[in-house]
Amino acid sequence: MATIDVTQALIGYNGKEIVFKEADAGQAVIFWDFRTAAIMALRIPKEGQTASEKYDIERLMALLHRKDSVTLKSEDVVLIKAVVGEHFSPELVGPMFRILEPDTYTEEELNA
């Protein structure tokens, strides 16, 4: 099981927070965070999903929405990695994977 702070910003390959929406009409820049990316990816239905699978996904989305720190089961981690990998660019996939499995996906290879 992995405990995740879902409010943490996604940090890009350049070491900066990844912009979700640029500043507009006096509003501040909005950055991607784990919660937003996970929920957005989970919302996209996959062909052939059963009603039970959709319900389980909705429950996971509710958990991610309601709590700032969540403990994810291994199957939740696998699911989030799969949907993020399917629906988002490498710029978001990398930071999400590093948050979900920090011991597996590290920055060390970039520092070698």
Protein backbone atom coordinates (compact mmCIF):
# COMPACT_ATOMS: atom_id res chain seq x y z
CA MET A 1 0.00 0.00 0.00
CA ALA A 2 1.12 3.51 -0.77
CA THR A 3 0.19 6.66 1.13
CA ILE A 4 -0.02 9.63 -1.21
CA ASP A 5 -0.41 13.35 -0.58
CA VAL A 6 -2.83 14.03 -3.44
CA THR A 7 -2.36 17.79 -3.16
CA GLN A 8 1.26 17.68 -4.28
CA ALA A 9 2.12 19.46 -7.49
CA LEU A 10 3.40 17.58 -10.49
CA ILE A 11 6.99 18.59 -11.16
CA GLY A 12 8.10 18.41 -14.78
CA TYR A 13 11.36 17.40 -16.41
CA ASN A 14 12.56 20.99 -16.07
CA GLY A 15 12.16 20.91 -12.27
CA LYS A 16 9.16 23.28 -12.31
CA GLU A 17 5.48 22.78 -11.56
CA ILE A 18 3.55 21.79 -14.69
CA VAL A 19 1.05 24.42 -15.79
CA PHE A 20 -2.57 23.28 -16.10
CA LYS A 21 -3.97 26.68 -17.04
CA GLU A 22 -2.10 29.88 -17.75
CA ALA A 23 -3.02 33.07 -15.92
CA ASP A 24 -6.04 34.70 -17.51
CA ALA A 25 -7.98 37.90 -16.85
CA GLY A 26 -6.47 38.54 -13.46
CA GLN A 27 -6.64 34.90 -12.34
CA ALA A 28 -3.55 33.08 -11.14
CA VAL A 29 -1.79 30.27 -12.96
CA ILE A 30 -3.19 26.85 -12.09
CA PHE A 31 -0.75 23.97 -11.82
CA TRP A 32 -1.31 20.23 -12.20
CA ASP A 33 -1.48 18.24 -8.99
CA PHE A 34 -1.77 14.52 -8.34
CA ARG A 35 -5.48 14.70 -7.47
CA THR A 36 -6.46 16.54 -10.65
CA ALA A 37 -4.47 14.26 -12.96
CA ALA A 38 -5.66 11.04 -11.32
CA ILE A 39 -9.33 12.01 -11.27
CA MET A 40 -9.28 13.36 -14.84
CA ALA A 41 -7.72 10.14 -16.14
CA LEU A 42 -10.08 7.94 -14.13
CA ARG A 43 -13.13 9.81 -15.48
CA ILE A 44 -12.49 8.66 -19.04
CA PRO A 45 -14.44 5.43 -19.57
CA LYS A 46 -12.74 2.47 -21.15
CA GLU A 47 -14.62 0.36 -23.65
CA GLY A 48 -15.82 -2.88 -22.12
CA GLN A 49 -15.75 -1.74 -18.48
CA THR A 50 -18.36 -3.46 -16.39
CA ALA A 51 -20.76 -1.57 -14.17
CA SER A 52 -18.91 -2.98 -11.16
CA GLU A 53 -15.57 -1.70 -12.46
CA LYS A 54 -17.09 1.73 -13.07
CA TYR A 55 -18.47 1.77 -9.54
CA ASP A 56 -15.06 0.88 -8.07
CA ILE A 57 -13.49 3.68 -10.10
CA GLU A 58 -16.10 6.14 -8.87
CA ARG A 59 -15.34 5.15 -5.27
CA LEU A 60 -11.60 5.70 -5.89
CA MET A 61 -12.33 9.11 -7.43
CA ALA A 62 -14.43 10.04 -4.38
CA LEU A 63 -11.60 9.01 -2.05
CA LEU A 64 -9.08 11.09 -4.01
CA HIS A 65 -11.45 14.05 -4.00
CA ARG A 66 -12.37 13.99 -0.31
CA LYS A 67 -9.02 13.38 1.37
CA ASP A 68 -5.69 15.15 1.02
CA SER A 69 -3.75 12.05 2.02
CA VAL A 70 -4.88 8.62 0.86
CA THR A 71 -3.60 5.09 1.26
CA LEU A 72 -3.89 3.31 -2.06
CA LYS A 73 -4.10 -0.44 -2.47
CA SER A 74 -1.71 -1.97 -4.99
CA GLU A 75 -4.57 -2.47 -7.47
CA ASP A 76 -5.42 1.25 -7.17
CA VAL A 77 -1.82 2.14 -8.02
CA VAL A 78 -1.90 -0.20 -11.03
CA LEU A 79 -5.21 1.30 -12.22
CA ILE A 80 -4.07 4.91 -11.85
CA LYS A 81 -0.80 4.17 -13.66
CA ALA A 82 -2.71 2.48 -16.48
CA VAL A 83 -5.22 5.28 -17.06
CA VAL A 84 -2.68 8.07 -16.67
CA GLY A 85 -0.35 6.27 -19.08
CA GLU A 86 -3.16 5.81 -21.57
CA HIS A 87 -4.61 9.31 -21.51
CA PHE A 88 -1.78 11.74 -20.74
CA SER A 89 1.50 12.88 -22.23
CA PRO A 90 4.89 11.75 -20.94
CA GLU A 91 5.20 15.14 -19.22
CA LEU A 92 2.44 14.08 -16.77
CA VAL A 93 3.08 10.32 -16.74
CA GLY A 94 6.61 10.69 -15.35
CA PRO A 95 5.71 12.76 -12.29
CA MET A 96 2.63 10.62 -11.57
CA PHE A 97 4.66 7.41 -11.68
CA ARG A 98 7.35 8.93 -9.43
CA ILE A 99 4.68 9.87 -6.87
CA LEU A 100 2.97 6.48 -7.02
CA GLU A 101 6.16 4.43 -6.82
CA PRO A 102 9.01 6.63 -5.59
CA ASP A 103 11.33 3.67 -4.97
CA THR A 104 10.94 2.42 -8.55
CA TYR A 105 10.89 5.68 -10.49
CA THR A 106 13.56 8.06 -9.29
CA GLU A 107 15.48 11.08 -10.48
CA GLU A 108 18.80 9.33 -9.87
CA GLU A 109 19.17 8.15 -13.46
CA LEU A 110 19.13 11.79 -14.55
CA ASN A 111 21.92 12.64 -12.14
CA ALA A 112 24.27 9.86 -13.27
